[in-house]
Amino acid sequence: MSEEHVVRMAELKIDPAMLEAYRALLAEEIEASVALEEGVLSLSAVSLKDDPSTIRILEVYASSQAYEAHLKTPHFLKYKSETAGMVVSLTLIEVDPIMMRAKS
């Protein structure tokens, strides 16, 4: 993994009454980001088994410029605006990758 890559983790707490709607919007945003943005290398979202309204997203971008560009895309801005009332809390966790590999 290049030292220039940006790896971030987000932890979100979603209003349980809005969880299914949130998950649908998140899936739509991830699909668009990976398909349309060359600089989005991977986005993976999971929920905690014992607390499905807690979502963690691992984000990998080709560069800080790719990350900044991602934040300005129409699909990301739509996701942010449409989920604003669903997100109870958002914590961005700074991480350093140790080893990340995926099959192509």
PDB file of N, CA and C in Angstrom:
ATOM      1  N   MET A   1       0.851  -1.178   0.000  1.00  0.00           N
ATOM      2  CA  MET A   1       0.000   0.000   0.000  1.00  0.00           C
ATOM      3  C   MET A   1       0.891   1.234   0.000  1.00  0.00           C
ATOM      4  N   SER A   2       0.594   2.158  -0.880  1.00  0.00           N
ATOM      5  CA  SER A   2       1.365   3.387  -1.000  1.00  0.00           C
ATOM      6  C   SER A   2       1.237   4.220   0.266  1.00  0.00           C
ATOM      7  N   GLU A   3       2.321   4.896   0.621  1.00  0.00           N
ATOM      8  CA  GLU A   3       2.271   5.776   1.791  1.00  0.00           C
ATOM      9  C   GLU A   3       1.352   6.956   1.554  1.00  0.00           C
ATOM     10  N   GLU A   4       1.079   7.258   0.280  1.00  0.00           N
ATOM     11  CA  GLU A   4       0.209   8.382  -0.057  1.00  0.00           C
ATOM     12  C   GLU A   4      -1.264   8.047   0.173  1.00  0.00           C
ATOM     13  N   HIS A   5      -1.610   6.765   0.202  1.00  0.00           N
ATOM     14  CA  HIS A   5      -3.008   6.373   0.393  1.00  0.00           C
ATOM     15  C   HIS A   5      -3.550   6.932   1.700  1.00  0.00           C
ATOM     16  N   VAL A   6      -4.825   7.229   1.674  1.00  0.00           N
ATOM     17  CA  VAL A   6      -5.519   7.704   2.867  1.00  0.00           C
ATOM     18  C   VAL A   6      -6.458   6.602   3.311  1.00  0.00           C
ATOM     19  N   VAL A   7      -6.305   6.154   4.559  1.00  0.00           N
ATOM     20  CA  VAL A   7      -7.174   5.127   5.128  1.00  0.00           C
ATOM     21  C   VAL A   7      -7.875   5.753   6.321  1.00  0.00           C
ATOM     22  N   ARG A   8      -9.205   5.659   6.316  1.00  0.00           N
ATOM     23  CA  ARG A   8     -10.005   6.246   7.394  1.00  0.00           C
ATOM     24  C   ARG A   8     -11.014   5.224   7.873  1.00  0.00           C
ATOM     25  N   MET A   9     -11.441   5.400   9.094  1.00  0.00           N
ATOM     26  CA  MET A   9     -12.529   4.585   9.621  1.00  0.00           C
ATOM     27  C   MET A   9     -13.552   5.536  10.229  1.00  0.00           C
ATOM     28  N   ALA A  10     -14.805   5.272   9.935  1.00  0.00           N
ATOM     29  CA  ALA A  10     -15.892   6.046  10.518  1.00  0.00           C
ATOM     30  C   ALA A  10     -16.759   5.105  11.339  1.00  0.00           C
ATOM     31  N   GLU A  11     -17.188   5.584  12.491  1.00  0.00           N
ATOM     32  CA  GLU A  11     -18.156   4.834  13.297  1.00  0.00           C
ATOM     33  C   GLU A  11     -19.386   5.708  13.445  1.00  0.00           C
ATOM     34  N   LEU A  12     -20.520   5.159  13.040  1.00  0.00           N
ATOM     35  CA  LEU A  12     -21.766   5.897  13.097  1.00  0.00           C
ATOM     36  C   LEU A  12     -22.779   5.168  13.957  1.00  0.00           C
ATOM     37  N   LYS A  13     -23.556   5.932  14.675  1.00  0.00           N
ATOM     38  CA  LYS A  13     -24.696   5.406  15.416  1.00  0.00           C
ATOM     39  C   LYS A  13     -25.930   5.932  14.697  1.00  0.00           C
ATOM     40  N   ILE A  14     -26.784   5.013  14.264  1.00  0.00           N
ATOM     41  CA  ILE A  14     -27.958   5.359  13.468  1.00  0.00           C
ATOM     42  C   ILE A  14     -29.218   5.197  14.317  1.00  0.00           C
ATOM     43  N   ASP A  15     -30.172   6.088  14.129  1.00  0.00           N
ATOM     44  CA  ASP A  15     -31.468   5.961  14.796  1.00  0.00           C
ATOM     45  C   ASP A  15     -32.058   4.609  14.380  1.00  0.00           C
ATOM     46  N   PRO A  16     -32.298   3.693  15.331  1.00  0.00           N
ATOM     47  CA  PRO A  16     -32.783   2.355  14.975  1.00  0.00           C
ATOM     48  C   PRO A  16     -34.066   2.362  14.139  1.00  0.00           C
ATOM     49  N   ALA A  17     -34.916   3.354  14.327  1.00  0.00           N
ATOM     50  CA  ALA A  17     -36.165   3.432  13.560  1.00  0.00           C
ATOM     51  C   ALA A  17     -35.906   3.754  12.084  1.00  0.00           C
ATOM     52  N   MET A  18     -34.723   4.261  11.781  1.00  0.00           N
ATOM     53  CA  MET A  18     -34.387   4.662  10.407  1.00  0.00           C
ATOM     54  C   MET A  18     -33.283   3.798   9.811  1.00  0.00           C
ATOM     55  N   LEU A  19     -32.968   2.686  10.463  1.00  0.00           N
ATOM     56  CA  LEU A  19     -31.812   1.885  10.074  1.00  0.00           C
ATOM     57  C   LEU A  19     -31.909   1.335   8.654  1.00  0.00           C
ATOM     58  N   GLU A  20     -33.049   0.782   8.276  1.00  0.00           N
ATOM     59  CA  GLU A  20     -33.165   0.197   6.936  1.00  0.00           C
ATOM     60  C   GLU A  20     -33.022   1.256   5.854  1.00  0.00           C
ATOM     61  N   ALA A  21     -33.620   2.412   6.057  1.00  0.00           N
ATOM     62  CA  ALA A  21     -33.491   3.507   5.086  1.00  0.00           C
ATOM     63  C   ALA A  21     -32.042   3.971   5.008  1.00  0.00           C
ATOM     64  N   TYR A  22     -31.390   4.066   6.161  1.00  0.00           N
ATOM     65  CA  TYR A  22     -29.985   4.465   6.168  1.00  0.00           C
ATOM     66  C   TYR A  22     -29.122   3.464   5.401  1.00  0.00           C
ATOM     67  N   ARG A  23     -29.328   2.191   5.680  1.00  0.00           N
ATOM     68  CA  ARG A  23     -28.521   1.154   5.006  1.00  0.00           C
ATOM     69  C   ARG A  23     -28.681   1.216   3.494  1.00  0.00           C
ATOM     70  N   ALA A  24     -29.879   1.473   3.013  1.00  0.00           N
ATOM     71  CA  ALA A  24     -30.119   1.576   1.572  1.00  0.00           C
ATOM     72  C   ALA A  24     -29.372   2.768   0.983  1.00  0.00           C
ATOM     73  N   LEU A  25     -29.408   3.907   1.657  1.00  0.00           N
ATOM     74  CA  LEU A  25     -28.697   5.093   1.172  1.00  0.00           C
ATOM     75  C   LEU A  25     -27.187   4.889   1.217  1.00  0.00           C
ATOM     76  N   LEU A  26     -26.693   4.228   2.252  1.00  0.00           N
ATOM     77  CA  LEU A  26     -25.260   3.947   2.362  1.00  0.00           C
ATOM     78  C   LEU A  26     -24.810   3.024   1.234  1.00  0.00           C
ATOM     79  N   ALA A  27     -25.577   1.987   0.964  1.00  0.00           N
ATOM     80  CA  ALA A  27     -25.225   1.053  -0.107  1.00  0.00           C
ATOM     81  C   ALA A  27     -25.185   1.780  -1.455  1.00  0.00           C
ATOM     82  N   GLU A  28     -26.150   2.645  -1.690  1.00  0.00           N
ATOM     83  CA  GLU A  28     -26.199   3.421  -2.941  1.00  0.00           C
ATOM     84  C   GLU A  28     -24.958   4.315  -3.055  1.00  0.00           C
ATOM     85  N   GLU A  29     -24.581   4.955  -1.964  1.00  0.00           N
ATOM     86  CA  GLU A  29     -23.424   5.859  -1.974  1.00  0.00           C
ATOM     87  C   GLU A  29     -22.132   5.087  -2.203  1.00  0.00           C
ATOM     88  N   ILE A  30     -21.976   3.946  -1.555  1.00  0.00           N
ATOM     89  CA  ILE A  30     -20.757   3.143  -1.729  1.00  0.00           C
ATOM     90  C   ILE A  30     -20.661   2.643  -3.171  1.00  0.00           C
ATOM     91  N   GLU A  31     -21.756   2.146  -3.711  1.00  0.00           N
ATOM     92  CA  GLU A  31     -21.749   1.665  -5.103  1.00  0.00           C
ATOM     93  C   GLU A  31     -21.326   2.772  -6.063  1.00  0.00           C
ATOM     94  N   ALA A  32     -21.905   3.965  -5.905  1.00  0.00           N
ATOM     95  CA  ALA A  32     -21.575   5.081  -6.793  1.00  0.00           C
ATOM     96  C   ALA A  32     -20.120   5.512  -6.620  1.00  0.00           C
ATOM     97  N   SER A  33     -19.645   5.592  -5.393  1.00  0.00           N
ATOM     98  CA  SER A  33     -18.278   6.048  -5.134  1.00  0.00           C
ATOM     99  C   SER A  33     -17.251   5.126  -5.767  1.00  0.00           C
ATOM    100  N   VAL A  34     -17.425   3.821  -5.588  1.00  0.00           N
ATOM    101  CA  VAL A  34     -16.467   2.856  -6.122  1.00  0.00           C
ATOM    102  C   VAL A  34     -16.551   2.814  -7.655  1.00  0.00           C
ATOM    103  N   ALA A  35     -17.754   2.916  -8.196  1.00  0.00           N
ATOM    104  CA  ALA A  35     -17.926   2.844  -9.652  1.00  0.00           C
ATOM    105  C   ALA A  35     -17.450   4.109 -10.366  1.00  0.00           C
ATOM    106  N   LEU A  36     -17.677   5.268  -9.764  1.00  0.00           N
ATOM    107  CA  LEU A  36     -17.469   6.532 -10.477  1.00  0.00           C
ATOM    108  C   LEU A  36     -16.176   7.261 -10.135  1.00  0.00           C
ATOM    109  N   GLU A  37     -15.558   6.934  -8.996  1.00  0.00           N
ATOM    110  CA  GLU A  37     -14.382   7.685  -8.558  1.00  0.00           C
ATOM    111  C   GLU A  37     -13.136   6.806  -8.624  1.00  0.00           C
ATOM    112  N   GLU A  38     -12.239   7.162  -9.515  1.00  0.00           N
ATOM    113  CA  GLU A  38     -11.005   6.392  -9.646  1.00  0.00           C
ATOM    114  C   GLU A  38     -10.200   6.381  -8.345  1.00  0.00           C
ATOM    115  N   GLY A  39     -10.269   7.467  -7.586  1.00  0.00           N
ATOM    116  CA  GLY A  39      -9.488   7.591  -6.358  1.00  0.00           C
ATOM    117  C   GLY A  39     -10.060   6.882  -5.147  1.00  0.00           C
ATOM    118  N   VAL A  40     -11.276   6.345  -5.267  1.00  0.00           N
ATOM    119  CA  VAL A  40     -11.855   5.556  -4.172  1.00  0.00           C
ATOM    120  C   VAL A  40     -11.431   4.114  -4.425  1.00  0.00           C
ATOM    121  N   LEU A  41     -10.490   3.628  -3.624  1.00  0.00           N
ATOM    122  CA  LEU A  41      -9.963   2.281  -3.822  1.00  0.00           C
ATOM    123  C   LEU A  41     -10.853   1.226  -3.192  1.00  0.00           C
ATOM    124  N   SER A  42     -11.404   1.514  -2.021  1.00  0.00           N
ATOM    125  CA  SER A  42     -12.366   0.589  -1.416  1.00  0.00           C
ATOM    126  C   SER A  42     -13.155   1.282  -0.322  1.00  0.00           C
ATOM    127  N   LEU A  43     -14.394   0.839  -0.181  1.00  0.00           N
ATOM    128  CA  LEU A  43     -15.274   1.253   0.909  1.00  0.00           C
ATOM    129  C   LEU A  43     -15.953  -0.009   1.408  1.00  0.00           C
ATOM    130  N   SER A  44     -15.841  -0.267   2.702  1.00  0.00           N
ATOM    131  CA  SER A  44     -16.460  -1.451   3.301  1.00  0.00           C
ATOM    132  C   SER A  44     -17.243  -1.016   4.529  1.00  0.00           C
ATOM    133  N   ALA A  45     -18.510  -1.405   4.583  1.00  0.00           N
ATOM    134  CA  ALA A  45     -19.367  -1.055   5.715  1.00  0.00           C
ATOM    135  C   ALA A  45     -19.841  -2.316   6.407  1.00  0.00           C
ATOM    136  N   VAL A  46     -19.802  -2.293   7.726  1.00  0.00           N
ATOM    137  CA  VAL A  46     -20.285  -3.407   8.533  1.00  0.00           C
ATOM    138  C   VAL A  46     -21.087  -2.845   9.706  1.00  0.00           C
ATOM    139  N   SER A  47     -21.969  -3.681  10.249  1.00  0.00           N
ATOM    140  CA  SER A  47     -22.677  -3.315  11.474  1.00  0.00           C
ATOM    141  C   SER A  47     -22.275  -4.298  12.566  1.00  0.00           C
ATOM    142  N   LEU A  48     -22.365  -3.858  13.798  1.00  0.00           N
ATOM    143  CA  LEU A  48     -22.032  -4.732  14.920  1.00  0.00           C
ATOM    144  C   LEU A  48     -23.156  -5.738  15.114  1.00  0.00           C
ATOM    145  N   LYS A  49     -22.791  -7.009  15.284  1.00  0.00           N
ATOM    146  CA  LYS A  49     -23.803  -8.070  15.439  1.00  0.00           C
ATOM    147  C   LYS A  49     -24.731  -7.808  16.618  1.00  0.00           C
ATOM    148  N   ASP A  50     -24.166  -7.365  17.736  1.00  0.00           N
ATOM    149  CA  ASP A  50     -24.994  -7.165  18.927  1.00  0.00           C
ATOM    150  C   ASP A  50     -25.611  -5.765  18.990  1.00  0.00           C
ATOM    151  N   ASP A  51     -25.306  -4.922  18.004  1.00  0.00           N
ATOM    152  CA  ASP A  51     -25.869  -3.571  17.938  1.00  0.00           C
ATOM    153  C   ASP A  51     -25.907  -3.121  16.482  1.00  0.00           C
ATOM    154  N   PRO A  52     -26.887  -3.598  15.709  1.00  0.00           N
ATOM    155  CA  PRO A  52     -26.931  -3.317  14.264  1.00  0.00           C
ATOM    156  C   PRO A  52     -26.997  -1.837  13.913  1.00  0.00           C
ATOM    157  N   SER A  53     -27.386  -0.988  14.857  1.00  0.00           N
ATOM    158  CA  SER A  53     -27.450   0.446  14.560  1.00  0.00           C
ATOM    159  C   SER A  53     -26.081   1.123  14.686  1.00  0.00           C
ATOM    160  N   THR A  54     -25.051   0.360  15.053  1.00  0.00           N
ATOM    161  CA  THR A  54     -23.681   0.872  15.039  1.00  0.00           C
ATOM    162  C   THR A  54     -23.021   0.362  13.770  1.00  0.00           C
ATOM    163  N   ILE A  55     -22.626   1.307  12.926  1.00  0.00           N
ATOM    164  CA  ILE A  55     -22.048   1.010  11.614  1.00  0.00           C
ATOM    165  C   ILE A  55     -20.592   1.464  11.613  1.00  0.00           C
ATOM    166  N   ARG A  56     -19.725   0.653  11.063  1.00  0.00           N
ATOM    167  CA  ARG A  56     -18.323   1.040  10.871  1.00  0.00           C
ATOM    168  C   ARG A  56     -18.005   0.964   9.386  1.00  0.00           C
ATOM    169  N   ILE A  57     -17.329   1.985   8.902  1.00  0.00           N
ATOM    170  CA  ILE A  57     -16.975   2.064   7.486  1.00  0.00           C
ATOM    171  C   ILE A  57     -15.466   2.227   7.373  1.00  0.00           C
ATOM    172  N   LEU A  58     -14.826   1.319   6.640  1.00  0.00           N
ATOM    173  CA  LEU A  58     -13.392   1.415   6.352  1.00  0.00           C
ATOM    174  C   LEU A  58     -13.260   1.985   4.947  1.00  0.00           C
ATOM    175  N   GLU A  59     -12.545   3.103   4.832  1.00  0.00           N
ATOM    176  CA  GLU A  59     -12.423   3.832   3.579  1.00  0.00           C
ATOM    177  C   GLU A  59     -10.961   3.876   3.156  1.00  0.00           C
ATOM    178  N   VAL A  60     -10.686   3.574   1.879  1.00  0.00           N
ATOM    179  CA  VAL A  60      -9.323   3.646   1.360  1.00  0.00           C
ATOM    180  C   VAL A  60      -9.351   4.482   0.084  1.00  0.00           C
ATOM    181  N   TYR A  61      -8.562   5.554   0.096  1.00  0.00           N
ATOM    182  CA  TYR A  61      -8.475   6.482  -1.032  1.00  0.00           C
ATOM    183  C   TYR A  61      -7.053   6.482  -1.575  1.00  0.00           C
ATOM    184  N   ALA A  62      -6.912   6.756  -2.870  1.00  0.00           N
ATOM    185  CA  ALA A  62      -5.605   6.759  -3.518  1.00  0.00           C
ATOM    186  C   ALA A  62      -4.707   7.870  -2.985  1.00  0.00           C
ATOM    187  N   SER A  63      -5.309   8.962  -2.505  1.00  0.00           N
ATOM    188  CA  SER A  63      -4.528  10.111  -2.041  1.00  0.00           C
ATOM    189  C   SER A  63      -5.429  11.035  -1.228  1.00  0.00           C
ATOM    190  N   SER A  64      -4.823  12.008  -0.587  1.00  0.00           N
ATOM    191  CA  SER A  64      -5.626  12.993   0.142  1.00  0.00           C
ATOM    192  C   SER A  64      -6.472  13.807  -0.833  1.00  0.00           C
ATOM    193  N   GLN A  65      -5.959  14.036  -2.046  1.00  0.00           N
ATOM    194  CA  GLN A  65      -6.733  14.752  -3.058  1.00  0.00           C
ATOM    195  C   GLN A  65      -7.970  13.941  -3.456  1.00  0.00           C
ATOM    196  N   ALA A  66      -7.817  12.634  -3.579  1.00  0.00           N
ATOM    197  CA  ALA A  66      -8.956  11.778  -3.913  1.00  0.00           C
ATOM    198  C   ALA A  66     -10.006  11.821  -2.807  1.00  0.00           C
ATOM    199  N   TYR A  67      -9.548  11.833  -1.552  1.00  0.00           N
ATOM    200  CA  TYR A  67     -10.479  11.923  -0.420  1.00  0.00           C
ATOM    201  C   TYR A  67     -11.230  13.255  -0.453  1.00  0.00           C
ATOM    202  N   GLU A  68     -10.493  14.341  -0.651  1.00  0.00           N
ATOM    203  CA  GLU A  68     -11.124  15.669  -0.695  1.00  0.00           C
ATOM    204  C   GLU A  68     -12.113  15.766  -1.857  1.00  0.00           C
ATOM    205  N   ALA A  69     -11.756  15.194  -3.013  1.00  0.00           N
ATOM    206  CA  ALA A  69     -12.654  15.204  -4.168  1.00  0.00           C
ATOM    207  C   ALA A  69     -13.923  14.394  -3.874  1.00  0.00           C
ATOM    208  N   HIS A  70     -13.764  13.276  -3.172  1.00  0.00           N
ATOM    209  CA  HIS A  70     -14.905  12.427  -2.815  1.00  0.00           C
ATOM    210  C   HIS A  70     -15.943  13.215  -2.019  1.00  0.00           C
ATOM    211  N   LEU A  71     -15.482  14.043  -1.108  1.00  0.00           N
ATOM    212  CA  LEU A  71     -16.386  14.808  -0.245  1.00  0.00           C
ATOM    213  C   LEU A  71     -17.234  15.814  -1.016  1.00  0.00           C
ATOM    214  N   LYS A  72     -16.857  16.119  -2.251  1.00  0.00           N
ATOM    215  CA  LYS A  72     -17.567  17.125  -3.053  1.00  0.00           C
ATOM    216  C   LYS A  72     -18.431  16.514  -4.159  1.00  0.00           C
ATOM    217  N   THR A  73     -18.462  15.185  -4.257  1.00  0.00           N
ATOM    218  CA  THR A  73     -19.225  14.554  -5.340  1.00  0.00           C
ATOM    219  C   THR A  73     -20.726  14.643  -5.082  1.00  0.00           C
ATOM    220  N   PRO A  74     -21.516  14.685  -6.146  1.00  0.00           N
ATOM    221  CA  PRO A  74     -22.977  14.742  -5.974  1.00  0.00           C
ATOM    222  C   PRO A  74     -23.529  13.561  -5.177  1.00  0.00           C
ATOM    223  N   HIS A  75     -22.998  12.348  -5.404  1.00  0.00           N
ATOM    224  CA  HIS A  75     -23.539  11.184  -4.687  1.00  0.00           C
ATOM    225  C   HIS A  75     -23.206  11.234  -3.198  1.00  0.00           C
ATOM    226  N   PHE A  76     -22.016  11.739  -2.829  1.00  0.00           N
ATOM    227  CA  PHE A  76     -21.687  11.853  -1.403  1.00  0.00           C
ATOM    228  C   PHE A  76     -22.527  12.951  -0.749  1.00  0.00           C
ATOM    229  N   LEU A  77     -22.677  14.080  -1.421  1.00  0.00           N
ATOM    230  CA  LEU A  77     -23.468  15.179  -0.858  1.00  0.00           C
ATOM    231  C   LEU A  77     -24.934  14.770  -0.691  1.00  0.00           C
ATOM    232  N   LYS A  78     -25.457  13.971  -1.629  1.00  0.00           N
ATOM    233  CA  LYS A  78     -26.825  13.451  -1.504  1.00  0.00           C
ATOM    234  C   LYS A  78     -26.926  12.547  -0.278  1.00  0.00           C
ATOM    235  N   TYR A  79     -25.967  11.643  -0.138  1.00  0.00           N
ATOM    236  CA  TYR A  79     -25.939  10.739   1.023  1.00  0.00           C
ATOM    237  C   TYR A  79     -25.922  11.550   2.321  1.00  0.00           C
ATOM    238  N   LYS A  80     -25.037  12.550   2.405  1.00  0.00           N
ATOM    239  CA  LYS A  80     -24.924  13.348   3.640  1.00  0.00           C
ATOM    240  C   LYS A  80     -26.233  14.073   3.945  1.00  0.00           C
ATOM    241  N   SER A  81     -26.850  14.666   2.938  1.00  0.00           N
ATOM    242  CA  SER A  81     -28.075  15.432   3.196  1.00  0.00           C
ATOM    243  C   SER A  81     -29.249  14.516   3.546  1.00  0.00           C
ATOM    244  N   GLU A  82     -29.361  13.395   2.839  1.00  0.00           N
ATOM    245  CA  GLU A  82     -30.512  12.507   3.069  1.00  0.00           C
ATOM    246  C   GLU A  82     -30.391  11.684   4.343  1.00  0.00           C
ATOM    247  N   THR A  83     -29.180  11.501   4.859  1.00  0.00           N
ATOM    248  CA  THR A  83     -29.012  10.719   6.093  1.00  0.00           C
ATOM    249  C   THR A  83     -28.815  11.595   7.329  1.00  0.00           C
ATOM    250  N   ALA A  84     -28.761  12.908   7.144  1.00  0.00           N
ATOM    251  CA  ALA A  84     -28.449  13.811   8.266  1.00  0.00           C
ATOM    252  C   ALA A  84     -29.345  13.577   9.481  1.00  0.00           C
ATOM    253  N   GLY A  85     -30.630  13.382   9.265  1.00  0.00           N
ATOM    254  CA  GLY A  85     -31.549  13.173  10.386  1.00  0.00           C
ATOM    255  C   GLY A  85     -31.536  11.764  10.945  1.00  0.00           C
ATOM    256  N   MET A  86     -30.798  10.858  10.305  1.00  0.00           N
ATOM    257  CA  MET A  86     -30.747   9.465  10.728  1.00  0.00           C
ATOM    258  C   MET A  86     -29.537   9.182  11.624  1.00  0.00           C
ATOM    259  N   VAL A  87     -28.499   9.986  11.475  1.00  0.00           N
ATOM    260  CA  VAL A  87     -27.236   9.753  12.180  1.00  0.00           C
ATOM    261  C   VAL A  87     -27.286  10.409  13.556  1.00  0.00           C
ATOM    262  N   VAL A  88     -27.206   9.573  14.588  1.00  0.00           N
ATOM    263  CA  VAL A  88     -27.208  10.054  15.966  1.00  0.00           C
ATOM    264  C   VAL A  88     -25.816  10.560  16.334  1.00  0.00           C
ATOM    265  N   SER A  89     -24.774   9.849  15.887  1.00  0.00           N
ATOM    266  CA  SER A  89     -23.405  10.300  16.134  1.00  0.00           C
ATOM    267  C   SER A  89     -22.495   9.775  15.041  1.00  0.00           C
ATOM    268  N   LEU A  90     -21.405  10.517  14.816  1.00  0.00           N
ATOM    269  CA  LEU A  90     -20.398  10.156  13.826  1.00  0.00           C
ATOM    270  C   LEU A  90     -19.037  10.422  14.430  1.00  0.00           C
ATOM    271  N   THR A  91     -18.195   9.401  14.439  1.00  0.00           N
ATOM    272  CA  THR A  91     -16.825   9.535  14.920  1.00  0.00           C
ATOM    273  C   THR A  91     -15.888   9.116  13.803  1.00  0.00           C
ATOM    274  N   LEU A  92     -14.998  10.020  13.406  1.00  0.00           N
ATOM    275  CA  LEU A  92     -13.976   9.680  12.426  1.00  0.00           C
ATOM    276  C   LEU A  92     -12.743   9.243  13.202  1.00  0.00           C
ATOM    277  N   ILE A  93     -12.279   8.037  12.926  1.00  0.00           N
ATOM    278  CA  ILE A  93     -11.180   7.430  13.667  1.00  0.00           C
ATOM    279  C   ILE A  93      -9.946   7.432  12.774  1.00  0.00           C
ATOM    280  N   GLU A  94      -8.890   8.097  13.215  1.00  0.00           N
ATOM    281  CA  GLU A  94      -7.654   8.109  12.456  1.00  0.00           C
ATOM    282  C   GLU A  94      -6.968   6.756  12.634  1.00  0.00           C
ATOM    283  N   VAL A  95      -6.577   6.146  11.528  1.00  0.00           N
ATOM    284  CA  VAL A  95      -5.947   4.822  11.578  1.00  0.00           C
ATOM    285  C   VAL A  95      -4.686   4.815  10.712  1.00  0.00           C
ATOM    286  N   ASP A  96      -3.772   3.936  11.051  1.00  0.00           N
ATOM    287  CA  ASP A  96      -2.600   3.653  10.235  1.00  0.00           C
ATOM    288  C   ASP A  96      -2.720   2.212   9.776  1.00  0.00           C
ATOM    289  N   PRO A  97      -2.715   1.980   8.461  1.00  0.00           N
ATOM    290  CA  PRO A  97      -2.812   0.597   7.986  1.00  0.00           C
ATOM    291  C   PRO A  97      -1.551  -0.181   8.340  1.00  0.00           C
ATOM    292  N   ILE A  98      -1.739  -1.406   8.764  1.00  0.00           N
ATOM    293  CA  ILE A  98      -0.617  -2.310   9.036  1.00  0.00           C
ATOM    294  C   ILE A  98      -0.416  -3.199   7.812  1.00  0.00           C
ATOM    295  N   MET A  99      -1.450  -3.914   7.418  1.00  0.00           N
ATOM    296  CA  MET A  99      -1.396  -4.758   6.229  1.00  0.00           C
ATOM    297  C   MET A  99      -2.815  -4.844   5.687  1.00  0.00           C
ATOM    298  N   MET A 100      -2.974  -4.504   4.423  1.00  0.00           N
ATOM    299  CA  MET A 100      -4.287  -4.586   3.779  1.00  0.00           C
ATOM    300  C   MET A 100      -4.073  -5.248   2.416  1.00  0.00           C
ATOM    301  N   ARG A 101      -4.803  -6.302   2.182  1.00  0.00           N
ATOM    302  CA  ARG A 101      -4.722  -7.002   0.901  1.00  0.00           C
ATOM    303  C   ARG A 101      -6.133  -7.436   0.500  1.00  0.00           C
ATOM    304  N   ALA A 102      -6.350  -7.498  -0.788  1.00  0.00           N
ATOM    305  CA  ALA A 102      -7.636  -7.987  -1.309  1.00  0.00           C
ATOM    306  C   ALA A 102      -7.356  -8.689  -2.633  1.00  0.00           C
ATOM    307  N   LYS A 103      -8.174  -9.639  -2.938  1.00  0.00           N
ATOM    308  CA  LYS A 103      -8.093 -10.289  -4.247  1.00  0.00           C
ATOM    309  C   LYS A 103      -8.795  -9.411  -5.268  1.00  0.00           C
ATOM    310  N   SER A 104      -8.284  -9.360  -6.472  1.00  0.00           N
ATOM    311  CA  SER A 104      -8.905  -8.527  -7.489  1.00  0.00           C
ATOM    312  C   SER A 104     -10.033  -9.259  -8.183  1.00  0.00           C
TER     313      SER A 104
END
